[in-house]
């Protein structure tokens, strides 16, 4: 069995959640924050048989797309990279996925 951690932008969270549930997977959603802009994310925890991992990753990939967004330079925390006073374009979205082995899974 595998445990999949999928960190998804909040903008894509509902679509990912709906698609995984519709495909018959049980998911746990956690609110999370992180990344360069400290923006809102959703972390999904999904336990699945080894042969279902590729299907899950495919669903997540289809439903979480990268896109460009303008953000104020102050959102970057005033780093050297973002010291200008005008908005900068950054890439947001997509998903970060980790797959780990698990010894035991119980739903009680």
PDB file of N, CA and C in Angstrom:
ATOM      1  N   UNK A   1       0.836  -1.186   0.000  1.00  0.00           N
ATOM      2  CA  UNK A   1       0.000   0.000   0.000  1.00  0.00           C
ATOM      3  C   UNK A   1       0.877   1.244   0.000  1.00  0.00           C
ATOM      4  N   UNK A   2       0.302   2.310  -0.500  1.00  0.00           N
ATOM      5  CA  UNK A   2       1.002   3.587  -0.586  1.00  0.00           C
ATOM      6  C   UNK A   2       0.170   4.678   0.078  1.00  0.00           C
ATOM      7  N   UNK A   3       0.868   5.669   0.594  1.00  0.00           N
ATOM      8  CA  UNK A   3       0.233   6.889   1.083  1.00  0.00           C
ATOM      9  C   UNK A   3       0.699   8.015   0.181  1.00  0.00           C
ATOM     10  N   UNK A   4      -0.267   8.678  -0.433  1.00  0.00           N
ATOM     11  CA  UNK A   4       0.037   9.772  -1.353  1.00  0.00           C
ATOM     12  C   UNK A   4      -0.282  11.086  -0.658  1.00  0.00           C
ATOM     13  N   UNK A   5       0.703  11.969  -0.623  1.00  0.00           N
ATOM     14  CA  UNK A   5       0.527  13.332  -0.146  1.00  0.00           C
ATOM     15  C   UNK A   5       0.510  14.210  -1.390  1.00  0.00           C
ATOM     16  N   UNK A   6      -0.566  14.926  -1.610  1.00  0.00           N
ATOM     17  CA  UNK A   6      -0.660  15.802  -2.783  1.00  0.00           C
ATOM     18  C   UNK A   6      -0.972  17.216  -2.299  1.00  0.00           C
ATOM     19  N   UNK A   7      -0.057  18.134  -2.541  1.00  0.00           N
ATOM     20  CA  UNK A   7      -0.233  19.526  -2.142  1.00  0.00           C
ATOM     21  C   UNK A   7      -0.689  20.291  -3.368  1.00  0.00           C
ATOM     22  N   UNK A   8      -1.912  20.848  -3.275  1.00  0.00           N
ATOM     23  CA  UNK A   8      -2.592  21.441  -4.421  1.00  0.00           C
ATOM     24  C   UNK A   8      -3.009  22.862  -4.073  1.00  0.00           C
ATOM     25  N   UNK A   9      -2.912  23.774  -5.041  1.00  0.00           N
ATOM     26  CA  UNK A   9      -3.370  25.144  -4.861  1.00  0.00           C
ATOM     27  C   UNK A   9      -4.860  25.147  -4.526  1.00  0.00           C
ATOM     28  N   UNK A  10      -5.273  26.042  -3.629  1.00  0.00           N
ATOM     29  CA  UNK A  10      -6.682  26.120  -3.248  1.00  0.00           C
ATOM     30  C   UNK A  10      -7.616  26.310  -4.435  1.00  0.00           C
ATOM     31  N   UNK A  11      -7.163  26.994  -5.473  1.00  0.00           N
ATOM     32  CA  UNK A  11      -8.001  27.217  -6.650  1.00  0.00           C
ATOM     33  C   UNK A  11      -8.378  25.906  -7.345  1.00  0.00           C
ATOM     34  N   UNK A  12      -7.555  24.889  -7.188  1.00  0.00           N
ATOM     35  CA  UNK A  12      -7.791  23.603  -7.833  1.00  0.00           C
ATOM     36  C   UNK A  12      -8.343  22.549  -6.877  1.00  0.00           C
ATOM     37  N   UNK A  13      -8.417  22.873  -5.625  1.00  0.00           N
ATOM     38  CA  UNK A  13      -8.757  21.902  -4.587  1.00  0.00           C
ATOM     39  C   UNK A  13     -10.108  21.233  -4.807  1.00  0.00           C
ATOM     40  N   UNK A  14     -11.128  22.004  -5.092  1.00  0.00           N
ATOM     41  CA  UNK A  14     -12.466  21.432  -5.250  1.00  0.00           C
ATOM     42  C   UNK A  14     -12.519  20.460  -6.433  1.00  0.00           C
ATOM     43  N   UNK A  15     -11.923  20.842  -7.531  1.00  0.00           N
ATOM     44  CA  UNK A  15     -11.921  19.990  -8.718  1.00  0.00           C
ATOM     45  C   UNK A  15     -11.178  18.679  -8.464  1.00  0.00           C
ATOM     46  N   UNK A  16     -10.025  18.760  -7.799  1.00  0.00           N
ATOM     47  CA  UNK A  16      -9.250  17.558  -7.472  1.00  0.00           C
ATOM     48  C   UNK A  16     -10.055  16.668  -6.537  1.00  0.00           C
ATOM     49  N   UNK A  17     -10.616  17.270  -5.490  1.00  0.00           N
ATOM     50  CA  UNK A  17     -11.392  16.525  -4.507  1.00  0.00           C
ATOM     51  C   UNK A  17     -12.583  15.812  -5.154  1.00  0.00           C
ATOM     52  N   UNK A  18     -13.334  16.534  -5.954  1.00  0.00           N
ATOM     53  CA  UNK A  18     -14.508  15.954  -6.621  1.00  0.00           C
ATOM     54  C   UNK A  18     -14.124  14.810  -7.547  1.00  0.00           C
ATOM     55  N   UNK A  19     -13.072  15.000  -8.317  1.00  0.00           N
ATOM     56  CA  UNK A  19     -12.647  13.974  -9.280  1.00  0.00           C
ATOM     57  C   UNK A  19     -12.150  12.711  -8.582  1.00  0.00           C
ATOM     58  N   UNK A  20     -11.386  12.873  -7.507  1.00  0.00           N
ATOM     59  CA  UNK A  20     -10.900  11.706  -6.774  1.00  0.00           C
ATOM     60  C   UNK A  20     -12.054  10.946  -6.126  1.00  0.00           C
ATOM     61  N   UNK A  21     -12.991  11.686  -5.543  1.00  0.00           N
ATOM     62  CA  UNK A  21     -14.143  11.051  -4.905  1.00  0.00           C
ATOM     63  C   UNK A  21     -15.007  10.333  -5.932  1.00  0.00           C
ATOM     64  N   UNK A  22     -15.225  10.988  -7.082  1.00  0.00           N
ATOM     65  CA  UNK A  22     -16.022  10.386  -8.149  1.00  0.00           C
ATOM     66  C   UNK A  22     -15.377   9.095  -8.664  1.00  0.00           C
ATOM     67  N   UNK A  23     -14.043   9.038  -8.631  1.00  0.00           N
ATOM     68  CA  UNK A  23     -13.323   7.841  -9.084  1.00  0.00           C
ATOM     69  C   UNK A  23     -13.295   6.751  -8.009  1.00  0.00           C
ATOM     70  N   UNK A  24     -13.878   7.040  -6.829  1.00  0.00           N
ATOM     71  CA  UNK A  24     -13.987   6.026  -5.783  1.00  0.00           C
ATOM     72  C   UNK A  24     -12.886   6.028  -4.743  1.00  0.00           C
ATOM     73  N   UNK A  25     -12.068   7.065  -4.721  1.00  0.00           N
ATOM     74  CA  UNK A  25     -10.990   7.130  -3.738  1.00  0.00           C
ATOM     75  C   UNK A  25     -11.441   7.892  -2.500  1.00  0.00           C
ATOM     76  N   UNK A  26     -10.987   7.422  -1.342  1.00  0.00           N
ATOM     77  CA  UNK A  26     -11.246   8.111  -0.089  1.00  0.00           C
ATOM     78  C   UNK A  26     -10.084   9.055   0.175  1.00  0.00           C
ATOM     79  N   UNK A  27     -10.395  10.297   0.530  1.00  0.00           N
ATOM     80  CA  UNK A  27      -9.350  11.301   0.715  1.00  0.00           C
ATOM     81  C   UNK A  27      -9.538  12.009   2.045  1.00  0.00           C
ATOM     82  N   UNK A  28      -8.449  12.514   2.561  1.00  0.00           N
ATOM     83  CA  UNK A  28      -8.475  13.406   3.714  1.00  0.00           C
ATOM     84  C   UNK A  28      -7.873  14.720   3.255  1.00  0.00           C
ATOM     85  N   UNK A  29      -8.569  15.813   3.544  1.00  0.00           N
ATOM     86  CA  UNK A  29      -8.100  17.146   3.131  1.00  0.00           C
ATOM     87  C   UNK A  29      -7.606  17.910   4.352  1.00  0.00           C
ATOM     88  N   UNK A  30      -6.447  18.537   4.198  1.00  0.00           N
ATOM     89  CA  UNK A  30      -5.885  19.382   5.239  1.00  0.00           C
ATOM     90  C   UNK A  30      -5.587  20.757   4.651  1.00  0.00           C
ATOM     91  N   UNK A  31      -5.969  21.803   5.359  1.00  0.00           N
ATOM     92  CA  UNK A  31      -5.599  23.155   4.926  1.00  0.00           C
ATOM     93  C   UNK A  31      -4.109  23.335   5.213  1.00  0.00           C
ATOM     94  N   UNK A  32      -3.394  23.901   4.262  1.00  0.00           N
ATOM     95  CA  UNK A  32      -1.961  24.114   4.445  1.00  0.00           C
ATOM     96  C   UNK A  32      -1.539  25.412   3.766  1.00  0.00           C
ATOM     97  N   UNK A  33      -0.398  25.902   4.165  1.00  0.00           N
ATOM     98  CA  UNK A  33       0.148  27.126   3.607  1.00  0.00           C
ATOM     99  C   UNK A  33       1.622  26.897   3.319  1.00  0.00           C
ATOM    100  N   UNK A  34       2.091  27.494   2.241  1.00  0.00           N
ATOM    101  CA  UNK A  34       3.510  27.334   1.978  1.00  0.00           C
ATOM    102  C   UNK A  34       3.890  27.864   0.629  1.00  0.00           C
ATOM    103  N   UNK A  35       5.103  27.593   0.284  1.00  0.00           N
ATOM    104  CA  UNK A  35       5.616  28.042  -0.991  1.00  0.00           C
ATOM    105  C   UNK A  35       6.161  29.451  -0.914  1.00  0.00           C
ATOM    106  N   UNK A  36       6.598  29.901  -2.042  1.00  0.00           N
ATOM    107  CA  UNK A  36       7.248  31.202  -2.166  1.00  0.00           C
ATOM    108  C   UNK A  36       6.350  32.345  -1.715  1.00  0.00           C
ATOM    109  N   UNK A  37       5.057  32.259  -2.044  1.00  0.00           N
ATOM    110  CA  UNK A  37       4.126  33.343  -1.720  1.00  0.00           C
ATOM    111  C   UNK A  37       3.357  33.096  -0.431  1.00  0.00           C
ATOM    112  N   UNK A  38       3.621  31.978   0.234  1.00  0.00           N
ATOM    113  CA  UNK A  38       2.897  31.611   1.457  1.00  0.00           C
ATOM    114  C   UNK A  38       1.392  31.619   1.213  1.00  0.00           C
ATOM    115  N   UNK A  39       0.986  31.119   0.056  1.00  0.00           N
ATOM    116  CA  UNK A  39      -0.430  31.113  -0.325  1.00  0.00           C
ATOM    117  C   UNK A  39      -1.119  29.861   0.188  1.00  0.00           C
ATOM    118  N   UNK A  40      -2.459  29.891   0.164  1.00  0.00           N
ATOM    119  CA  UNK A  40      -3.243  28.775   0.652  1.00  0.00           C
ATOM    120  C   UNK A  40      -3.176  27.573  -0.266  1.00  0.00           C
ATOM    121  N   UNK A  41      -3.029  26.421   0.341  1.00  0.00           N
ATOM    122  CA  UNK A  41      -3.006  25.154  -0.367  1.00  0.00           C
ATOM    123  C   UNK A  41      -3.935  24.180   0.340  1.00  0.00           C
ATOM    124  N   UNK A  42      -4.200  23.083  -0.309  1.00  0.00           N
ATOM    125  CA  UNK A  42      -4.860  21.954   0.324  1.00  0.00           C
ATOM    126  C   UNK A  42      -3.929  20.764   0.179  1.00  0.00           C
ATOM    127  N   UNK A  43      -3.699  20.063   1.277  1.00  0.00           N
ATOM    128  CA  UNK A  43      -2.905  18.847   1.234  1.00  0.00           C
ATOM    129  C   UNK A  43      -3.857  17.667   1.327  1.00  0.00           C
ATOM    130  N   UNK A  44      -3.815  16.810   0.324  1.00  0.00           N
ATOM    131  CA  UNK A  44      -4.640  15.617   0.293  1.00  0.00           C
ATOM    132  C   UNK A  44      -3.814  14.429   0.771  1.00  0.00           C
ATOM    133  N   UNK A  45      -4.403  13.609   1.613  1.00  0.00           N
ATOM    134  CA  UNK A  45      -3.807  12.342   2.035  1.00  0.00           C
ATOM    135  C   UNK A  45      -4.681  11.237   1.451  1.00  0.00           C
ATOM    136  N   UNK A  46      -4.075  10.356   0.674  1.00  0.00           N
ATOM    137  CA  UNK A  46      -4.820   9.309  -0.018  1.00  0.00           C
ATOM    138  C   UNK A  46      -4.078   7.991   0.170  1.00  0.00           C
ATOM    139  N   UNK A  47      -4.743   7.020   0.738  1.00  0.00           N
ATOM    140  CA  UNK A  47      -4.159   5.693   0.878  1.00  0.00           C
ATOM    141  C   UNK A  47      -4.705   4.825  -0.247  1.00  0.00           C
ATOM    142  N   UNK A  48      -3.815   4.111  -0.927  1.00  0.00           N
ATOM    143  CA  UNK A  48      -4.261   3.327  -2.084  1.00  0.00           C
ATOM    144  C   UNK A  48      -3.358   2.120  -2.300  1.00  0.00           C
ATOM    145  N   UNK A  49      -3.921   1.153  -2.996  1.00  0.00           N
ATOM    146  CA  UNK A  49      -3.116  -0.001  -3.417  1.00  0.00           C
ATOM    147  C   UNK A  49      -2.086   0.474  -4.430  1.00  0.00           C
ATOM    148  N   UNK A  50      -0.973  -0.225  -4.490  1.00  0.00           N
ATOM    149  CA  UNK A  50       0.125   0.159  -5.381  1.00  0.00           C
ATOM    150  C   UNK A  50      -0.328   0.371  -6.823  1.00  0.00           C
ATOM    151  N   UNK A  51      -1.229  -0.475  -7.309  1.00  0.00           N
ATOM    152  CA  UNK A  51      -1.640  -0.403  -8.709  1.00  0.00           C
ATOM    153  C   UNK A  51      -2.579   0.770  -9.004  1.00  0.00           C
ATOM    154  N   UNK A  52      -3.000   1.522  -7.993  1.00  0.00           N
ATOM    155  CA  UNK A  52      -3.892   2.671  -8.181  1.00  0.00           C
ATOM    156  C   UNK A  52      -3.153   4.010  -8.143  1.00  0.00           C
ATOM    157  N   UNK A  53      -1.878   3.993  -7.805  1.00  0.00           N
ATOM    158  CA  UNK A  53      -1.110   5.234  -7.638  1.00  0.00           C
ATOM    159  C   UNK A  53      -1.062   6.045  -8.929  1.00  0.00           C
ATOM    160  N   UNK A  54      -0.776   5.415 -10.044  1.00  0.00           N
ATOM    161  CA  UNK A  54      -0.694   6.150 -11.310  1.00  0.00           C
ATOM    162  C   UNK A  54      -2.030   6.782 -11.687  1.00  0.00           C
ATOM    163  N   UNK A  55      -3.128   6.088 -11.424  1.00  0.00           N
ATOM    164  CA  UNK A  55      -4.457   6.639 -11.707  1.00  0.00           C
ATOM    165  C   UNK A  55      -4.716   7.892 -10.854  1.00  0.00           C
ATOM    166  N   UNK A  56      -4.359   7.829  -9.586  1.00  0.00           N
ATOM    167  CA  UNK A  56      -4.549   8.971  -8.690  1.00  0.00           C
ATOM    168  C   UNK A  56      -3.706  10.157  -9.139  1.00  0.00           C
ATOM    169  N   UNK A  57      -2.449   9.905  -9.457  1.00  0.00           N
ATOM    170  CA  UNK A  57      -1.571  10.985  -9.905  1.00  0.00           C
ATOM    171  C   UNK A  57      -2.089  11.586 -11.205  1.00  0.00           C
ATOM    172  N   UNK A  58      -2.620  10.765 -12.081  1.00  0.00           N
ATOM    173  CA  UNK A  58      -3.186  11.255 -13.337  1.00  0.00           C
ATOM    174  C   UNK A  58      -4.371  12.181 -13.077  1.00  0.00           C
ATOM    175  N   UNK A  59      -5.256  11.803 -12.172  1.00  0.00           N
ATOM    176  CA  UNK A  59      -6.407  12.645 -11.836  1.00  0.00           C
ATOM    177  C   UNK A  59      -5.943  13.984 -11.267  1.00  0.00           C
ATOM    178  N   UNK A  60      -4.992  13.934 -10.356  1.00  0.00           N
ATOM    179  CA  UNK A  60      -4.480  15.172  -9.747  1.00  0.00           C
ATOM    180  C   UNK A  60      -3.837  16.056 -10.809  1.00  0.00           C
ATOM    181  N   UNK A  61      -3.071  15.458 -11.699  1.00  0.00           N
ATOM    182  CA  UNK A  61      -2.399  16.223 -12.764  1.00  0.00           C
ATOM    183  C   UNK A  61      -3.386  16.889 -13.702  1.00  0.00           C
ATOM    184  N   UNK A  62      -4.457  16.189 -14.038  1.00  0.00           N
ATOM    185  CA  UNK A  62      -5.474  16.746 -14.940  1.00  0.00           C
ATOM    186  C   UNK A  62      -6.209  17.928 -14.320  1.00  0.00           C
ATOM    187  N   UNK A  63      -6.363  17.909 -13.010  1.00  0.00           N
ATOM    188  CA  UNK A  63      -7.199  18.901 -12.327  1.00  0.00           C
ATOM    189  C   UNK A  63      -6.436  20.018 -11.634  1.00  0.00           C
ATOM    190  N   UNK A  64      -5.118  19.976 -11.631  1.00  0.00           N
ATOM    191  CA  UNK A  64      -4.339  21.041 -10.984  1.00  0.00           C
ATOM    192  C   UNK A  64      -3.319  21.584 -11.976  1.00  0.00           C
ATOM    193  N   UNK A  65      -3.659  22.698 -12.560  1.00  0.00           N
ATOM    194  CA  UNK A  65      -2.851  23.283 -13.626  1.00  0.00           C
ATOM    195  C   UNK A  65      -2.024  24.463 -13.124  1.00  0.00           C
ATOM    196  N   UNK A  66      -0.846  24.603 -13.696  1.00  0.00           N
ATOM    197  CA  UNK A  66      -0.014  25.776 -13.417  1.00  0.00           C
ATOM    198  C   UNK A  66      -0.539  26.951 -14.223  1.00  0.00           C
ATOM    199  N   UNK A  67      -0.429  28.136 -13.661  1.00  0.00           N
ATOM    200  CA  UNK A  67      -0.859  29.349 -14.353  1.00  0.00           C
ATOM    201  C   UNK A  67      -0.022  30.528 -13.867  1.00  0.00           C
ATOM    202  N   UNK A  68      -0.033  31.575 -14.653  1.00  0.00           N
ATOM    203  CA  UNK A  68       0.699  32.795 -14.307  1.00  0.00           C
ATOM    204  C   UNK A  68      -0.212  33.727 -13.515  1.00  0.00           C
ATOM    205  N   UNK A  69       0.370  34.443 -12.570  1.00  0.00           N
ATOM    206  CA  UNK A  69      -0.392  35.377 -11.751  1.00  0.00           C
ATOM    207  C   UNK A  69       0.503  36.569 -11.421  1.00  0.00           C
ATOM    208  N   UNK A  70      -0.080  37.762 -11.463  1.00  0.00           N
ATOM    209  CA  UNK A  70       0.651  38.959 -11.050  1.00  0.00           C
ATOM    210  C   UNK A  70       0.465  39.153  -9.552  1.00  0.00           C
ATOM    211  N   UNK A  71       1.562  39.369  -8.860  1.00  0.00           N
ATOM    212  CA  UNK A  71       1.503  39.622  -7.424  1.00  0.00           C
ATOM    213  C   UNK A  71       2.317  40.860  -7.102  1.00  0.00           C
ATOM    214  N   UNK A  72       1.929  41.596  -6.054  1.00  0.00           N
ATOM    215  CA  UNK A  72       2.735  42.746  -5.657  1.00  0.00           C
ATOM    216  C   UNK A  72       4.107  42.274  -5.183  1.00  0.00           C
ATOM    217  N   UNK A  73       5.113  43.054  -5.457  1.00  0.00           N
ATOM    218  CA  UNK A  73       6.465  42.684  -5.054  1.00  0.00           C
ATOM    219  C   UNK A  73       6.555  42.496  -3.548  1.00  0.00           C
ATOM    220  N   UNK A  74       5.726  43.190  -2.782  1.00  0.00           N
ATOM    221  CA  UNK A  74       5.759  43.053  -1.327  1.00  0.00           C
ATOM    222  C   UNK A  74       5.352  41.657  -0.881  1.00  0.00           C
ATOM    223  N   UNK A  75       4.624  40.910  -1.721  1.00  0.00           N
ATOM    224  CA  UNK A  75       4.218  39.550  -1.384  1.00  0.00           C
ATOM    225  C   UNK A  75       5.400  38.592  -1.368  1.00  0.00           C
ATOM    226  N   UNK A  76       6.509  38.999  -1.923  1.00  0.00           N
ATOM    227  CA  UNK A  76       7.703  38.152  -1.976  1.00  0.00           C
ATOM    228  C   UNK A  76       8.550  38.286  -0.727  1.00  0.00           C
ATOM    229  N   UNK A  77       8.146  39.122   0.179  1.00  0.00           N
ATOM    230  CA  UNK A  77       8.892  39.272   1.415  1.00  0.00           C
ATOM    231  C   UNK A  77      10.089  40.191   1.310  1.00  0.00           C
ATOM    232  N   UNK A  78      10.149  41.016   0.286  1.00  0.00           N
ATOM    233  CA  UNK A  78      11.235  41.976   0.158  1.00  0.00           C
ATOM    234  C   UNK A  78      12.590  41.370  -0.125  1.00  0.00           C
ATOM    235  N   UNK A  79      12.613  40.203  -0.743  1.00  0.00           N
ATOM    236  CA  UNK A  79      13.886  39.580  -1.076  1.00  0.00           C
ATOM    237  C   UNK A  79      14.558  40.363  -2.192  1.00  0.00           C
ATOM    238  N   UNK A  80      15.811  40.095  -2.410  1.00  0.00           N
ATOM    239  CA  UNK A  80      16.566  40.766  -3.470  1.00  0.00           C
ATOM    240  C   UNK A  80      15.902  40.549  -4.824  1.00  0.00           C
ATOM    241  N   UNK A  81      15.332  39.356  -5.028  1.00  0.00           N
ATOM    242  CA  UNK A  81      14.651  39.022  -6.274  1.00  0.00           C
ATOM    243  C   UNK A  81      13.414  39.894  -6.479  1.00  0.00           C
ATOM    244  N   UNK A  82      12.778  40.315  -5.395  1.00  0.00           N
ATOM    245  CA  UNK A  82      11.508  41.030  -5.476  1.00  0.00           C
ATOM    246  C   UNK A  82      11.602  42.434  -4.887  1.00  0.00           C
ATOM    247  N   UNK A  83      12.652  43.125  -5.112  1.00  0.00           N
ATOM    248  CA  UNK A  83      12.819  44.437  -4.493  1.00  0.00           C
ATOM    249  C   UNK A  83      12.146  45.562  -5.279  1.00  0.00           C
ATOM    250  N   UNK A  84      11.624  45.282  -6.461  1.00  0.00           N
ATOM    251  CA  UNK A  84      10.976  46.311  -7.277  1.00  0.00           C
ATOM    252  C   UNK A  84       9.614  46.675  -6.693  1.00  0.00           C
ATOM    253  N   UNK A  85       9.096  47.855  -7.070  1.00  0.00           N
ATOM    254  CA  UNK A  85       7.822  48.304  -6.532  1.00  0.00           C
ATOM    255  C   UNK A  85       6.644  47.952  -7.444  1.00  0.00           C
ATOM    256  N   UNK A  86       6.884  47.344  -8.570  1.00  0.00           N
ATOM    257  CA  UNK A  86       5.810  46.984  -9.496  1.00  0.00           C
ATOM    258  C   UNK A  86       5.484  45.493  -9.351  1.00  0.00           C
ATOM    259  N   UNK A  87       4.291  45.082  -9.790  1.00  0.00           N
ATOM    260  CA  UNK A  87       3.919  43.666  -9.686  1.00  0.00           C
ATOM    261  C   UNK A  87       4.837  42.785 -10.532  1.00  0.00           C
ATOM    262  N   UNK A  88       5.001  41.576 -10.082  1.00  0.00           N
ATOM    263  CA  UNK A  88       5.799  40.609 -10.837  1.00  0.00           C
ATOM    264  C   UNK A  88       4.922  39.413 -11.186  1.00  0.00           C
ATOM    265  N   UNK A  89       5.276  38.742 -12.265  1.00  0.00           N
ATOM    266  CA  UNK A  89       4.531  37.572 -12.696  1.00  0.00           C
ATOM    267  C   UNK A  89       5.188  36.318 -12.128  1.00  0.00           C
ATOM    268  N   UNK A  90       4.384  35.479 -11.480  1.00  0.00           N
ATOM    269  CA  UNK A  90       4.884  34.227 -10.929  1.00  0.00           C
ATOM    270  C   UNK A  90       3.995  33.085 -11.412  1.00  0.00           C
ATOM    271  N   UNK A  91       4.523  31.883 -11.363  1.00  0.00           N
ATOM    272  CA  UNK A  91       3.759  30.696 -11.707  1.00  0.00           C
ATOM    273  C   UNK A  91       3.168  30.115 -10.431  1.00  0.00           C
ATOM    274  N   UNK A  92       1.862  29.883 -10.436  1.00  0.00           N
ATOM    275  CA  UNK A  92       1.188  29.280  -9.292  1.00  0.00           C
ATOM    276  C   UNK A  92       0.416  28.056  -9.772  1.00  0.00           C
ATOM    277  N   UNK A  93      -0.058  27.277  -8.834  1.00  0.00           N
ATOM    278  CA  UNK A  93      -0.849  26.112  -9.181  1.00  0.00           C
ATOM    279  C   UNK A  93      -0.001  24.880  -9.367  1.00  0.00           C
ATOM    280  N   UNK A  94      -0.570  23.906 -10.028  1.00  0.00           N
ATOM    281  CA  UNK A  94       0.098  22.624 -10.158  1.00  0.00           C
ATOM    282  C   UNK A  94      -0.030  21.843  -8.859  1.00  0.00           C
ATOM    283  N   UNK A  95       0.724  20.813  -8.722  1.00  0.00           N
ATOM    284  CA  UNK A  95       0.674  19.996  -7.516  1.00  0.00           C
ATOM    285  C   UNK A  95       2.063  19.461  -7.205  1.00  0.00           C
ATOM    286  N   UNK A  96       2.310  19.266  -5.916  1.00  0.00           N
ATOM    287  CA  UNK A  96       3.510  18.585  -5.461  1.00  0.00           C
ATOM    288  C   UNK A  96       3.040  17.292  -4.829  1.00  0.00           C
ATOM    289  N   UNK A  97       3.576  16.165  -5.305  1.00  0.00           N
ATOM    290  CA  UNK A  97       3.071  14.864  -4.883  1.00  0.00           C
ATOM    291  C   UNK A  97       4.211  14.014  -4.326  1.00  0.00           C
ATOM    292  N   UNK A  98       3.951  13.434  -3.152  1.00  0.00           N
ATOM    293  CA  UNK A  98       4.885  12.497  -2.521  1.00  0.00           C
ATOM    294  C   UNK A  98       4.164  11.165  -2.382  1.00  0.00           C
ATOM    295  N   UNK A  99       4.867  10.076  -2.666  1.00  0.00           N
ATOM    296  CA  UNK A  99       4.302   8.737  -2.502  1.00  0.00           C
ATOM    297  C   UNK A  99       5.226   7.959  -1.575  1.00  0.00           C
ATOM    298  N   UNK A 100       4.640   7.424  -0.491  1.00  0.00           N
ATOM    299  CA  UNK A 100       5.433   6.669   0.479  1.00  0.00           C
ATOM    300  C   UNK A 100       4.804   5.299   0.723  1.00  0.00           C
ATOM    301  N   UNK A 101       5.639   4.356   1.109  1.00  0.00           N
ATOM    302  CA  UNK A 101       5.148   3.041   1.500  1.00  0.00           C
ATOM    303  C   UNK A 101       4.528   3.124   2.884  1.00  0.00           C
ATOM    304  N   UNK A 102       3.486   2.340   3.114  1.00  0.00           N
ATOM    305  CA  UNK A 102       2.938   2.252   4.465  1.00  0.00           C
ATOM    306  C   UNK A 102       2.843   0.779   4.852  1.00  0.00           C
ATOM    307  N   UNK A 103       3.083   0.511   6.115  1.00  0.00           N
ATOM    308  CA  UNK A 103       3.023  -0.863   6.607  1.00  0.00           C
ATOM    309  C   UNK A 103       1.602  -1.308   6.889  1.00  0.00           C
ATOM    310  N   UNK A 104       0.815  -0.367   7.388  1.00  0.00           N
ATOM    311  CA  UNK A 104      -0.517  -0.761   7.844  1.00  0.00           C
ATOM    312  C   UNK A 104      -1.481   0.398   7.665  1.00  0.00           C
ATOM    313  N   UNK A 105      -2.689   0.065   7.250  1.00  0.00           N
ATOM    314  CA  UNK A 105      -3.743   1.061   7.105  1.00  0.00           C
ATOM    315  C   UNK A 105      -5.025   0.467   7.655  1.00  0.00           C
ATOM    316  N   UNK A 106      -5.678   1.182   8.543  1.00  0.00           N
ATOM    317  CA  UNK A 106      -6.943   0.729   9.101  1.00  0.00           C
ATOM    318  C   UNK A 106      -7.928   1.875   9.082  1.00  0.00           C
ATOM    319  N   UNK A 107      -9.147   1.552   8.747  1.00  0.00           N
ATOM    320  CA  UNK A 107     -10.223   2.526   8.807  1.00  0.00           C
ATOM    321  C   UNK A 107     -11.200   1.998   9.836  1.00  0.00           C
ATOM    322  N   UNK A 108     -11.237   2.654  11.008  1.00  0.00           N
ATOM    323  CA  UNK A 108     -12.077   2.142  12.114  1.00  0.00           C
ATOM    324  C   UNK A 108     -13.218   3.079  12.409  1.00  0.00           C
TER     325      UNK A 108
END
